[in-house]
C-alpha cells in the first residue's frame, strides 16, 4: 500500500512514488477490466491504458476522493471507450468467437465458459460460479459495472457513485435492478 507522503511525492512527479502507486493499483484495475470486458488480452490492454492515463493525470489529483476511487474511474472510462470502439469496429461474431454481442457485452463464450475447464480450473471454479459469471456477462453494462464495483471490488455506494459519475441513489437502484435480474435469470437457468 502507500501512505500520504508517497501520494504527495507522486503528485509532485517522483518516479519512485508513482511506481509504488502503479504497483498497488494495477491489480484492482485489472480485476475491474477483466470483470467488465471478459477477455484477458483486452483487460491487459485496458489496464495498461489506465496506467498511462493515471500517470498523465496524477499531477492533477486533488484528493477530493480516495486515490483508489479516482483511479478506478479512469479504468472504468477506459473500459467504456474500449466497448464503444469494439462495437463500432467489429460486427457481432465477426472475430470468429461470437464473443461479443452488438451492444459490446461479453458473452459466456468470451469468458471461457463454453469450454470444459482444465483440472486446475475445475478445482477453482464450480458450476455455480460459471453460471454466475455467465449471468453477470448478460447484464446491461451499467448494471454489470455497479455490481462489479460494489461487490467484486468491495467499494462503498459512495465510491461506486463517484466512479460511475452518478448519484448514490442511482447506484442503489441499479444494484437492486441488477440483482433482481440476475436472480430471475439464474432461476430460469436452473429449471
N, C-alpha and C. Protein backbone atom coordinates (compact mmCIF):
# COMPACT_ATOMS: atom_id res chain seq x y z
N UNK A 1 0.84 -1.17 0.00
CA UNK A 1 0.00 0.00 0.00
C UNK A 1 0.88 1.24 0.00
N UNK A 2 0.29 2.37 0.14
CA UNK A 2 1.03 3.62 0.15
C UNK A 2 0.55 4.50 1.29
N UNK A 3 1.37 5.49 1.59
CA UNK A 3 0.99 6.45 2.64
C UNK A 3 0.83 7.83 2.01
N UNK A 4 0.46 8.78 2.83
CA UNK A 4 0.24 10.14 2.35
C UNK A 4 1.47 10.77 1.73
N UNK A 5 2.64 10.47 2.29
CA UNK A 5 3.88 11.03 1.75
C UNK A 5 4.16 10.50 0.36
N UNK A 6 3.88 9.22 0.15
CA UNK A 6 4.08 8.62 -1.17
C UNK A 6 3.14 9.27 -2.18
N UNK A 7 1.91 9.45 -1.78
CA UNK A 7 0.93 10.08 -2.68
C UNK A 7 1.35 11.51 -3.02
N UNK A 8 1.75 12.27 -2.01
CA UNK A 8 2.19 13.65 -2.26
C UNK A 8 3.39 13.68 -3.20
N UNK A 9 4.34 12.78 -3.00
CA UNK A 9 5.52 12.71 -3.85
C UNK A 9 5.12 12.36 -5.29
N UNK A 10 4.18 11.44 -5.44
CA UNK A 10 3.73 11.05 -6.77
C UNK A 10 3.06 12.21 -7.49
N UNK A 11 2.26 12.97 -6.77
CA UNK A 11 1.59 14.13 -7.36
C UNK A 11 2.63 15.16 -7.81
N UNK A 12 3.71 15.29 -7.03
CA UNK A 12 4.79 16.23 -7.38
C UNK A 12 5.66 15.71 -8.52
N UNK A 13 5.54 14.43 -8.88
CA UNK A 13 6.29 13.91 -10.03
C UNK A 13 7.36 12.89 -9.70
N UNK A 14 7.49 12.46 -8.48
CA UNK A 14 8.52 11.50 -8.10
C UNK A 14 8.25 10.15 -8.78
N UNK A 15 9.21 9.71 -9.58
CA UNK A 15 9.05 8.46 -10.34
C UNK A 15 8.91 7.24 -9.42
N UNK A 16 9.69 7.20 -8.37
CA UNK A 16 9.63 6.06 -7.44
C UNK A 16 8.25 5.97 -6.77
N UNK A 17 7.73 7.12 -6.34
CA UNK A 17 6.41 7.14 -5.71
C UNK A 17 5.32 6.74 -6.70
N UNK A 18 5.44 7.21 -7.92
CA UNK A 18 4.47 6.83 -8.95
C UNK A 18 4.53 5.33 -9.22
N UNK A 19 5.74 4.78 -9.22
CA UNK A 19 5.89 3.34 -9.40
C UNK A 19 5.23 2.55 -8.27
N UNK A 20 5.38 3.06 -7.05
CA UNK A 20 4.75 2.42 -5.90
C UNK A 20 3.23 2.40 -6.06
N UNK A 21 2.66 3.53 -6.49
CA UNK A 21 1.22 3.61 -6.69
C UNK A 21 0.77 2.68 -7.81
N UNK A 22 1.52 2.64 -8.90
CA UNK A 22 1.16 1.74 -10.00
C UNK A 22 1.14 0.29 -9.54
N UNK A 23 2.14 -0.10 -8.78
CA UNK A 23 2.20 -1.48 -8.28
C UNK A 23 1.00 -1.79 -7.38
N UNK A 24 0.60 -0.83 -6.57
CA UNK A 24 -0.52 -1.05 -5.65
C UNK A 24 -1.87 -1.07 -6.35
N UNK A 25 -1.99 -0.34 -7.46
CA UNK A 25 -3.29 -0.18 -8.10
C UNK A 25 -3.53 -1.07 -9.31
N UNK A 26 -2.48 -1.66 -9.87
CA UNK A 26 -2.66 -2.41 -11.11
C UNK A 26 -3.55 -3.64 -10.95
N UNK A 27 -3.50 -4.32 -9.83
CA UNK A 27 -4.36 -5.49 -9.64
C UNK A 27 -5.84 -5.13 -9.57
N UNK A 28 -6.23 -4.11 -8.78
CA UNK A 28 -7.65 -3.71 -8.81
C UNK A 28 -8.10 -3.25 -10.20
N UNK A 29 -7.25 -2.52 -10.91
CA UNK A 29 -7.60 -2.10 -12.28
C UNK A 29 -7.83 -3.32 -13.16
N UNK A 30 -6.92 -4.28 -13.08
CA UNK A 30 -7.03 -5.46 -13.93
C UNK A 30 -8.30 -6.25 -13.60
N UNK A 31 -8.58 -6.44 -12.31
CA UNK A 31 -9.80 -7.18 -11.93
C UNK A 31 -11.05 -6.50 -12.48
N UNK A 32 -11.09 -5.18 -12.36
CA UNK A 32 -12.24 -4.43 -12.87
C UNK A 32 -12.35 -4.60 -14.38
N UNK A 33 -11.26 -4.41 -15.08
CA UNK A 33 -11.27 -4.51 -16.54
C UNK A 33 -11.65 -5.91 -16.99
N UNK A 34 -11.10 -6.93 -16.35
CA UNK A 34 -11.43 -8.30 -16.72
C UNK A 34 -12.89 -8.60 -16.43
N UNK A 35 -13.40 -8.16 -15.31
CA UNK A 35 -14.80 -8.40 -14.97
C UNK A 35 -15.75 -7.75 -15.96
N UNK A 36 -15.39 -6.58 -16.46
CA UNK A 36 -16.28 -5.85 -17.36
C UNK A 36 -16.06 -6.18 -18.82
N UNK A 37 -14.86 -6.56 -19.19
CA UNK A 37 -14.58 -6.88 -20.60
C UNK A 37 -14.66 -8.37 -20.89
N UNK A 38 -14.37 -9.19 -19.90
CA UNK A 38 -14.48 -10.63 -20.07
C UNK A 38 -13.44 -11.25 -20.97
N UNK A 39 -12.33 -10.58 -21.18
CA UNK A 39 -11.29 -11.08 -22.06
C UNK A 39 -9.93 -10.69 -21.48
N UNK A 40 -9.07 -11.66 -21.30
CA UNK A 40 -7.78 -11.41 -20.65
C UNK A 40 -6.94 -10.40 -21.42
N UNK A 41 -6.83 -10.57 -22.74
CA UNK A 41 -5.99 -9.65 -23.53
C UNK A 41 -6.54 -8.23 -23.51
N UNK A 42 -7.83 -8.10 -23.69
CA UNK A 42 -8.43 -6.76 -23.67
C UNK A 42 -8.30 -6.15 -22.27
N UNK A 43 -8.43 -6.97 -21.21
CA UNK A 43 -8.27 -6.47 -19.85
C UNK A 43 -6.84 -5.99 -19.62
N UNK A 44 -5.87 -6.72 -20.14
CA UNK A 44 -4.47 -6.30 -20.00
C UNK A 44 -4.24 -4.98 -20.75
N UNK A 45 -4.80 -4.87 -21.96
CA UNK A 45 -4.68 -3.62 -22.71
C UNK A 45 -5.33 -2.46 -21.96
N UNK A 46 -6.51 -2.71 -21.40
CA UNK A 46 -7.22 -1.67 -20.66
C UNK A 46 -6.45 -1.26 -19.41
N UNK A 47 -5.85 -2.23 -18.74
CA UNK A 47 -5.05 -1.94 -17.54
C UNK A 47 -3.84 -1.09 -17.91
N UNK A 48 -3.20 -1.44 -19.01
CA UNK A 48 -2.04 -0.66 -19.46
C UNK A 48 -2.46 0.77 -19.82
N UNK A 49 -3.56 0.91 -20.54
CA UNK A 49 -4.04 2.24 -20.89
C UNK A 49 -4.42 3.03 -19.65
N UNK A 50 -5.00 2.35 -18.66
CA UNK A 50 -5.33 3.01 -17.39
C UNK A 50 -4.07 3.53 -16.73
N UNK A 51 -3.01 2.74 -16.73
CA UNK A 51 -1.75 3.17 -16.12
C UNK A 51 -1.19 4.40 -16.83
N UNK A 52 -1.25 4.41 -18.15
CA UNK A 52 -0.75 5.55 -18.92
C UNK A 52 -1.55 6.81 -18.55
N UNK A 53 -2.86 6.69 -18.54
CA UNK A 53 -3.71 7.85 -18.21
C UNK A 53 -3.52 8.28 -16.76
N UNK A 54 -3.37 7.30 -15.88
CA UNK A 54 -3.13 7.60 -14.47
C UNK A 54 -1.86 8.45 -14.31
N UNK A 55 -0.79 8.03 -14.99
CA UNK A 55 0.47 8.77 -14.89
C UNK A 55 0.34 10.17 -15.47
N UNK A 56 -0.43 10.31 -16.54
CA UNK A 56 -0.63 11.64 -17.13
C UNK A 56 -1.46 12.55 -16.24
N UNK A 57 -2.39 11.95 -15.48
CA UNK A 57 -3.33 12.75 -14.72
C UNK A 57 -3.01 12.90 -13.23
N UNK A 58 -2.07 12.11 -12.71
CA UNK A 58 -1.82 12.10 -11.26
C UNK A 58 -1.41 13.47 -10.73
N UNK A 59 -0.72 14.26 -11.53
CA UNK A 59 -0.30 15.58 -11.04
C UNK A 59 -1.51 16.49 -10.78
N UNK A 60 -2.65 16.16 -11.36
CA UNK A 60 -3.86 16.95 -11.14
C UNK A 60 -4.76 16.40 -10.04
N UNK A 61 -4.33 15.32 -9.39
CA UNK A 61 -5.13 14.73 -8.32
C UNK A 61 -5.17 15.68 -7.13
N UNK A 62 -6.40 16.01 -6.70
CA UNK A 62 -6.57 16.99 -5.62
C UNK A 62 -6.97 16.37 -4.29
N UNK A 63 -7.22 15.09 -4.26
CA UNK A 63 -7.60 14.44 -3.02
C UNK A 63 -9.06 14.62 -2.65
N UNK A 64 -9.90 15.00 -3.62
CA UNK A 64 -11.32 15.17 -3.35
C UNK A 64 -12.03 13.83 -3.15
N UNK A 65 -11.39 12.77 -3.60
CA UNK A 65 -11.87 11.41 -3.35
C UNK A 65 -10.63 10.57 -3.04
N UNK A 66 -10.84 9.32 -2.68
CA UNK A 66 -9.71 8.45 -2.41
C UNK A 66 -8.99 8.16 -3.73
N UNK A 67 -7.70 7.97 -3.68
CA UNK A 67 -6.92 7.72 -4.89
C UNK A 67 -7.43 6.48 -5.61
N UNK A 68 -7.74 5.43 -4.86
CA UNK A 68 -8.21 4.19 -5.50
C UNK A 68 -9.52 4.45 -6.25
N UNK A 69 -10.43 5.18 -5.63
CA UNK A 69 -11.70 5.50 -6.26
C UNK A 69 -11.47 6.32 -7.52
N UNK A 70 -10.64 7.33 -7.42
CA UNK A 70 -10.33 8.20 -8.55
C UNK A 70 -9.73 7.39 -9.69
N UNK A 71 -8.78 6.52 -9.37
CA UNK A 71 -8.11 5.75 -10.41
C UNK A 71 -9.03 4.68 -11.02
N UNK A 72 -9.97 4.14 -10.22
CA UNK A 72 -10.92 3.18 -10.77
C UNK A 72 -11.86 3.88 -11.77
N UNK A 73 -12.12 5.15 -11.55
CA UNK A 73 -12.89 5.93 -12.52
C UNK A 73 -12.17 6.01 -13.85
N UNK A 74 -10.86 6.16 -13.81
CA UNK A 74 -10.06 6.17 -15.04
C UNK A 74 -10.21 4.81 -15.73
N UNK A 75 -10.07 3.74 -14.97
CA UNK A 75 -10.18 2.39 -15.55
C UNK A 75 -11.56 2.17 -16.16
N UNK A 76 -12.61 2.61 -15.47
CA UNK A 76 -13.96 2.44 -15.99
C UNK A 76 -14.14 3.21 -17.30
N UNK A 77 -13.60 4.41 -17.37
CA UNK A 77 -13.69 5.18 -18.62
C UNK A 77 -12.95 4.47 -19.75
N UNK A 78 -11.81 3.88 -19.47
CA UNK A 78 -11.07 3.13 -20.49
C UNK A 78 -11.92 1.96 -20.98
N UNK A 79 -12.52 1.22 -20.06
CA UNK A 79 -13.37 0.09 -20.43
C UNK A 79 -14.53 0.54 -21.30
N UNK A 80 -15.19 1.61 -20.91
CA UNK A 80 -16.32 2.12 -21.68
C UNK A 80 -15.89 2.51 -23.09
N UNK A 81 -14.75 3.16 -23.22
CA UNK A 81 -14.24 3.54 -24.53
C UNK A 81 -13.92 2.30 -25.37
N UNK A 82 -13.33 1.30 -24.75
CA UNK A 82 -13.00 0.08 -25.49
C UNK A 82 -14.26 -0.62 -25.98
N UNK A 83 -15.30 -0.64 -25.15
CA UNK A 83 -16.55 -1.28 -25.57
C UNK A 83 -17.17 -0.52 -26.73
N UNK A 84 -17.19 0.81 -26.65
CA UNK A 84 -17.75 1.61 -27.74
C UNK A 84 -16.96 1.39 -29.03
N UNK A 85 -15.66 1.40 -28.91
CA UNK A 85 -14.81 1.21 -30.09
C UNK A 85 -15.02 -0.18 -30.68
N UNK A 86 -15.14 -1.18 -29.84
CA UNK A 86 -15.32 -2.56 -30.30
C UNK A 86 -16.64 -2.72 -31.04
N UNK A 87 -17.69 -2.08 -30.55
CA UNK A 87 -19.00 -2.16 -31.19
C UNK A 87 -18.93 -1.52 -32.57
N UNK A 88 -18.25 -0.38 -32.67
CA UNK A 88 -18.13 0.31 -33.97
C UNK A 88 -17.30 -0.49 -34.96
N UNK A 89 -16.24 -1.14 -34.50
CA UNK A 89 -15.29 -1.79 -35.40
C UNK A 89 -15.61 -3.23 -35.74
N UNK A 90 -16.23 -3.96 -34.83
CA UNK A 90 -16.41 -5.39 -35.03
C UNK A 90 -17.87 -5.79 -34.97
N UNK A 91 -18.45 -6.16 -36.12
CA UNK A 91 -19.81 -6.69 -36.06
C UNK A 91 -19.83 -7.95 -35.20
N UNK A 92 -20.95 -8.19 -34.54
CA UNK A 92 -21.07 -9.34 -33.64
C UNK A 92 -20.67 -10.63 -34.33
N UNK A 93 -19.78 -11.36 -33.70
CA UNK A 93 -19.37 -12.67 -34.19
C UNK A 93 -18.33 -12.64 -35.28
N UNK A 94 -17.96 -11.48 -35.79
CA UNK A 94 -17.02 -11.42 -36.90
C UNK A 94 -15.64 -11.92 -36.51
N UNK A 95 -15.29 -11.82 -35.25
CA UNK A 95 -13.97 -12.26 -34.83
C UNK A 95 -13.86 -13.78 -34.71
N UNK A 96 -14.91 -14.47 -35.09
CA UNK A 96 -14.88 -15.93 -35.07
C UNK A 96 -15.23 -16.52 -33.73
N UNK A 97 -15.39 -15.69 -32.73
CA UNK A 97 -15.68 -16.20 -31.40
C UNK A 97 -17.14 -16.04 -31.01
N UNK A 98 -17.87 -15.24 -31.78
CA UNK A 98 -19.24 -14.88 -31.42
C UNK A 98 -19.26 -14.48 -29.95
N UNK A 99 -18.24 -13.72 -29.59
CA UNK A 99 -17.99 -13.48 -28.18
C UNK A 99 -18.59 -12.20 -27.65
N UNK A 100 -18.91 -11.27 -28.50
CA UNK A 100 -19.45 -10.01 -28.00
C UNK A 100 -20.67 -9.70 -28.84
N UNK A 101 -21.77 -9.41 -28.18
CA UNK A 101 -22.98 -9.11 -28.93
C UNK A 101 -22.94 -7.67 -29.42
N UNK A 102 -23.97 -7.25 -30.12
CA UNK A 102 -23.98 -5.94 -30.75
C UNK A 102 -23.84 -4.80 -29.77
N UNK A 103 -24.18 -5.01 -28.53
CA UNK A 103 -24.05 -3.94 -27.54
C UNK A 103 -22.67 -3.91 -26.90
N UNK A 104 -21.80 -4.84 -27.27
CA UNK A 104 -20.46 -4.88 -26.70
C UNK A 104 -20.35 -5.69 -25.43
N UNK A 105 -21.40 -6.42 -25.08
CA UNK A 105 -21.40 -7.21 -23.85
C UNK A 105 -20.68 -8.53 -24.10
N UNK A 106 -19.69 -8.88 -23.27
CA UNK A 106 -19.04 -10.17 -23.45
C UNK A 106 -20.01 -11.31 -23.18
N UNK A 107 -19.99 -12.30 -24.04
CA UNK A 107 -20.87 -13.45 -23.88
C UNK A 107 -20.17 -14.51 -23.05
N UNK A 108 -20.89 -15.54 -22.61
CA UNK A 108 -20.25 -16.62 -21.87
C UNK A 108 -19.08 -17.24 -22.64
N UNK A 109 -19.17 -17.30 -23.96
CA UNK A 109 -18.07 -17.85 -24.76
C UNK A 109 -16.80 -17.04 -24.55
N UNK A 110 -16.93 -15.70 -24.49
CA UNK A 110 -15.77 -14.84 -24.33
C UNK A 110 -15.15 -15.00 -22.95
N UNK A 111 -15.95 -15.33 -21.99
CA UNK A 111 -15.44 -15.54 -20.64
C UNK A 111 -14.81 -16.92 -20.48
N UNK A 112 -14.82 -17.71 -21.55
CA UNK A 112 -14.24 -19.04 -21.48
C UNK A 112 -15.16 -20.03 -20.79
N UNK A 113 -16.44 -19.72 -20.75
CA UNK A 113 -17.38 -20.57 -20.04
C UNK A 113 -17.99 -21.63 -20.94
N UNK A 114 -17.65 -21.62 -22.23
CA UNK A 114 -18.25 -22.57 -23.16
C UNK A 114 -17.36 -23.79 -23.39
N UNK A 115 -16.18 -23.81 -22.79
CA UNK A 115 -15.28 -24.95 -22.98
C UNK A 115 -15.11 -25.66 -21.64
N UNK A 116 -14.80 -26.94 -21.67
CA UNK A 116 -14.61 -27.65 -20.41
C UNK A 116 -13.42 -27.09 -19.64
N UNK A 117 -13.54 -26.99 -18.35
CA UNK A 117 -12.44 -26.44 -17.55
C UNK A 117 -11.27 -27.42 -17.48
N UNK A 118 -10.08 -26.86 -17.34
CA UNK A 118 -8.90 -27.70 -17.13
C UNK A 118 -8.98 -28.24 -15.71
N UNK A 119 -8.13 -29.21 -15.37
CA UNK A 119 -8.15 -29.70 -13.99
C UNK A 119 -7.93 -28.59 -12.96
N UNK A 120 -7.06 -27.63 -13.28
CA UNK A 120 -6.84 -26.51 -12.36
C UNK A 120 -8.09 -25.66 -12.24
N UNK A 121 -8.73 -25.39 -13.41
CA UNK A 121 -9.96 -24.59 -13.39
C UNK A 121 -11.05 -25.32 -12.61
N UNK A 122 -11.11 -26.63 -12.77
CA UNK A 122 -12.14 -27.42 -12.11
C UNK A 122 -12.05 -27.24 -10.59
N UNK A 123 -10.82 -27.24 -10.09
CA UNK A 123 -10.64 -27.07 -8.65
C UNK A 123 -11.04 -25.65 -8.22
N UNK A 124 -10.83 -24.69 -9.11
CA UNK A 124 -11.05 -23.30 -8.76
C UNK A 124 -12.49 -22.84 -8.99
N UNK A 125 -13.14 -23.39 -10.01
CA UNK A 125 -14.46 -22.88 -10.38
C UNK A 125 -15.52 -23.97 -10.29
N UNK A 126 -16.59 -23.66 -9.67
CA UNK A 126 -17.71 -24.59 -9.59
C UNK A 126 -18.72 -24.24 -10.68
N UNK A 127 -19.66 -25.13 -10.89
CA UNK A 127 -20.71 -24.87 -11.87
C UNK A 127 -21.50 -23.60 -11.51
N UNK A 128 -21.76 -23.41 -10.23
CA UNK A 128 -22.50 -22.22 -9.81
C UNK A 128 -21.74 -20.94 -10.15
N UNK A 129 -20.43 -20.97 -9.98
CA UNK A 129 -19.62 -19.79 -10.29
C UNK A 129 -19.66 -19.50 -11.78
N UNK A 130 -19.56 -20.52 -12.61
CA UNK A 130 -19.62 -20.32 -14.05
C UNK A 130 -20.97 -19.75 -14.46
N UNK A 131 -22.03 -20.26 -13.88
CA UNK A 131 -23.36 -19.74 -14.18
C UNK A 131 -23.49 -18.29 -13.73
N UNK A 132 -22.95 -18.00 -12.58
CA UNK A 132 -22.99 -16.64 -12.07
C UNK A 132 -22.25 -15.67 -12.99
N UNK A 133 -21.07 -16.05 -13.44
CA UNK A 133 -20.30 -15.19 -14.35
C UNK A 133 -21.00 -15.03 -15.69
N UNK A 134 -21.59 -16.10 -16.19
CA UNK A 134 -22.32 -16.02 -17.45
C UNK A 134 -23.52 -15.08 -17.31
N UNK A 135 -24.20 -15.17 -16.20
CA UNK A 135 -25.35 -14.31 -15.96
C UNK A 135 -24.91 -12.86 -15.81
N UNK A 136 -23.80 -12.64 -15.12
CA UNK A 136 -23.25 -11.30 -14.98
C UNK A 136 -22.92 -10.71 -16.35
N UNK A 137 -22.36 -11.53 -17.24
CA UNK A 137 -21.98 -11.07 -18.58
C UNK A 137 -23.19 -10.67 -19.41
N UNK A 138 -24.35 -11.19 -19.09
CA UNK A 138 -25.57 -10.89 -19.85
C UNK A 138 -26.23 -9.59 -19.42
N UNK A 139 -25.85 -9.04 -18.29
CA UNK A 139 -26.47 -7.82 -17.78
C UNK A 139 -26.09 -6.62 -18.65
N UNK A 140 -26.94 -5.60 -18.67
CA UNK A 140 -26.56 -4.35 -19.33
C UNK A 140 -25.30 -3.77 -18.68
N UNK A 141 -24.54 -3.04 -19.46
CA UNK A 141 -23.25 -2.51 -19.00
C UNK A 141 -23.34 -1.81 -17.65
N UNK A 142 -24.28 -0.91 -17.51
CA UNK A 142 -24.37 -0.11 -16.28
C UNK A 142 -24.63 -0.99 -15.06
N UNK A 143 -25.51 -1.98 -15.20
CA UNK A 143 -25.79 -2.89 -14.08
C UNK A 143 -24.56 -3.72 -13.75
N UNK A 144 -23.87 -4.21 -14.76
CA UNK A 144 -22.67 -5.02 -14.53
C UNK A 144 -21.60 -4.18 -13.85
N UNK A 145 -21.43 -2.93 -14.30
CA UNK A 145 -20.45 -2.04 -13.67
C UNK A 145 -20.76 -1.85 -12.19
N UNK A 146 -22.01 -1.58 -11.89
CA UNK A 146 -22.41 -1.34 -10.49
C UNK A 146 -22.14 -2.56 -9.61
N UNK A 147 -22.49 -3.74 -10.10
CA UNK A 147 -22.26 -4.95 -9.31
C UNK A 147 -20.77 -5.24 -9.11
N UNK A 148 -20.01 -5.09 -10.17
CA UNK A 148 -18.57 -5.36 -10.08
C UNK A 148 -17.91 -4.40 -9.09
N UNK A 149 -18.23 -3.13 -9.20
CA UNK A 149 -17.62 -2.16 -8.29
C UNK A 149 -18.06 -2.38 -6.84
N UNK A 150 -19.36 -2.60 -6.63
CA UNK A 150 -19.87 -2.75 -5.26
C UNK A 150 -19.42 -4.04 -4.61
N UNK A 151 -19.51 -5.15 -5.33
CA UNK A 151 -19.31 -6.45 -4.67
C UNK A 151 -18.00 -7.13 -5.02
N UNK A 152 -17.55 -7.06 -6.25
CA UNK A 152 -16.27 -7.70 -6.56
C UNK A 152 -15.10 -6.84 -6.11
N UNK A 153 -15.25 -5.53 -6.23
CA UNK A 153 -14.19 -4.62 -5.76
C UNK A 153 -14.45 -4.14 -4.34
N UNK A 154 -15.61 -4.49 -3.78
CA UNK A 154 -15.96 -4.18 -2.40
C UNK A 154 -15.88 -2.68 -2.08
N UNK A 155 -16.42 -1.87 -2.99
CA UNK A 155 -16.44 -0.43 -2.79
C UNK A 155 -17.76 -0.02 -2.16
N UNK A 156 -17.76 1.09 -1.49
CA UNK A 156 -18.98 1.61 -0.87
C UNK A 156 -19.90 2.17 -1.97
N UNK A 157 -21.13 2.43 -1.59
CA UNK A 157 -22.07 3.05 -2.52
C UNK A 157 -21.53 4.42 -2.96
N UNK A 158 -21.00 5.17 -2.01
CA UNK A 158 -20.45 6.49 -2.32
C UNK A 158 -19.29 6.39 -3.32
N UNK A 159 -18.37 5.46 -3.09
CA UNK A 159 -17.24 5.28 -4.00
C UNK A 159 -17.72 4.84 -5.38
N UNK A 160 -18.66 3.92 -5.40
CA UNK A 160 -19.20 3.43 -6.68
C UNK A 160 -19.86 4.57 -7.44
N UNK A 161 -20.61 5.41 -6.75
CA UNK A 161 -21.25 6.56 -7.38
C UNK A 161 -20.21 7.52 -7.95
N UNK A 162 -19.14 7.76 -7.20
CA UNK A 162 -18.07 8.63 -7.69
C UNK A 162 -17.46 8.08 -8.97
N UNK A 163 -17.18 6.80 -8.98
CA UNK A 163 -16.54 6.18 -10.14
C UNK A 163 -17.48 6.18 -11.34
N UNK A 164 -18.74 5.86 -11.11
CA UNK A 164 -19.70 5.78 -12.21
C UNK A 164 -20.23 7.15 -12.64
N UNK A 165 -19.96 8.17 -11.85
CA UNK A 165 -20.40 9.51 -12.19
C UNK A 165 -21.90 9.70 -12.07
N UNK A 166 -22.45 9.18 -10.98
CA UNK A 166 -23.90 9.29 -10.77
C UNK A 166 -24.18 9.46 -9.27
N UNK A 167 -25.45 9.62 -8.95
CA UNK A 167 -25.85 9.79 -7.55
C UNK A 167 -25.85 8.45 -6.82
N UNK A 168 -25.71 8.50 -5.51
CA UNK A 168 -25.72 7.28 -4.70
C UNK A 168 -27.04 6.53 -4.86
N UNK A 169 -28.14 7.25 -4.93
CA UNK A 169 -29.44 6.61 -5.12
C UNK A 169 -29.51 5.85 -6.43
N UNK A 170 -28.85 6.37 -7.45
CA UNK A 170 -28.81 5.69 -8.75
C UNK A 170 -28.04 4.38 -8.63
N UNK A 171 -26.95 4.41 -7.88
CA UNK A 171 -26.18 3.18 -7.67
C UNK A 171 -27.05 2.15 -6.95
N UNK A 172 -27.72 2.58 -5.90
CA UNK A 172 -28.56 1.65 -5.14
C UNK A 172 -29.65 1.04 -6.02
N UNK A 173 -30.29 1.88 -6.82
CA UNK A 173 -31.35 1.39 -7.71
C UNK A 173 -30.78 0.45 -8.77
N UNK A 174 -29.63 0.81 -9.32
CA UNK A 174 -29.01 -0.02 -10.36
C UNK A 174 -28.59 -1.37 -9.80
N UNK A 175 -28.01 -1.37 -8.62
CA UNK A 175 -27.62 -2.63 -7.98
C UNK A 175 -28.85 -3.48 -7.70
N UNK A 176 -29.91 -2.87 -7.21
CA UNK A 176 -31.15 -3.59 -6.92
C UNK A 176 -31.70 -4.23 -8.21
N UNK A 177 -31.75 -3.46 -9.28
CA UNK A 177 -32.24 -3.98 -10.57
C UNK A 177 -31.35 -5.11 -11.07
N UNK A 178 -30.06 -4.94 -10.94
CA UNK A 178 -29.12 -5.95 -11.43
C UNK A 178 -29.27 -7.25 -10.65
N UNK A 179 -29.37 -7.15 -9.34
CA UNK A 179 -29.53 -8.36 -8.52
C UNK A 179 -30.85 -9.06 -8.82
N UNK A 180 -31.90 -8.28 -8.99
CA UNK A 180 -33.20 -8.87 -9.33
C UNK A 180 -33.13 -9.57 -10.68
N UNK A 181 -32.50 -8.93 -11.64
CA UNK A 181 -32.35 -9.52 -12.98
C UNK A 181 -31.51 -10.80 -12.93
N UNK A 182 -30.42 -10.76 -12.18
CA UNK A 182 -29.57 -11.96 -12.06
C UNK A 182 -30.33 -13.10 -11.40
N UNK A 183 -31.06 -12.78 -10.33
CA UNK A 183 -31.83 -13.80 -9.64
C UNK A 183 -32.83 -14.46 -10.59
N UNK A 184 -33.54 -13.65 -11.35
CA UNK A 184 -34.52 -14.16 -12.31
C UNK A 184 -33.85 -15.03 -13.36
N UNK A 185 -32.76 -14.56 -13.92
CA UNK A 185 -32.04 -15.30 -14.96
C UNK A 185 -31.49 -16.62 -14.44
N UNK A 186 -30.96 -16.60 -13.22
CA UNK A 186 -30.40 -17.84 -12.65
C UNK A 186 -31.49 -18.83 -12.30
N UNK A 187 -32.64 -18.33 -11.85
CA UNK A 187 -33.76 -19.24 -11.56
C UNK A 187 -34.25 -19.89 -12.84
N UNK A 188 -34.33 -19.12 -13.94
CA UNK A 188 -34.74 -19.69 -15.23
C UNK A 188 -33.73 -20.72 -15.72
N UNK A 189 -32.46 -20.44 -15.52
CA UNK A 189 -31.40 -21.34 -15.99
C UNK A 189 -31.38 -22.65 -15.21
N UNK A 190 -31.81 -22.62 -13.96
CA UNK A 190 -31.76 -23.84 -13.14
C UNK A 190 -32.98 -24.73 -13.33
N UNK A 191 -33.97 -24.22 -14.05
CA UNK A 191 -35.19 -25.02 -14.27
C UNK A 191 -35.01 -25.96 -15.43
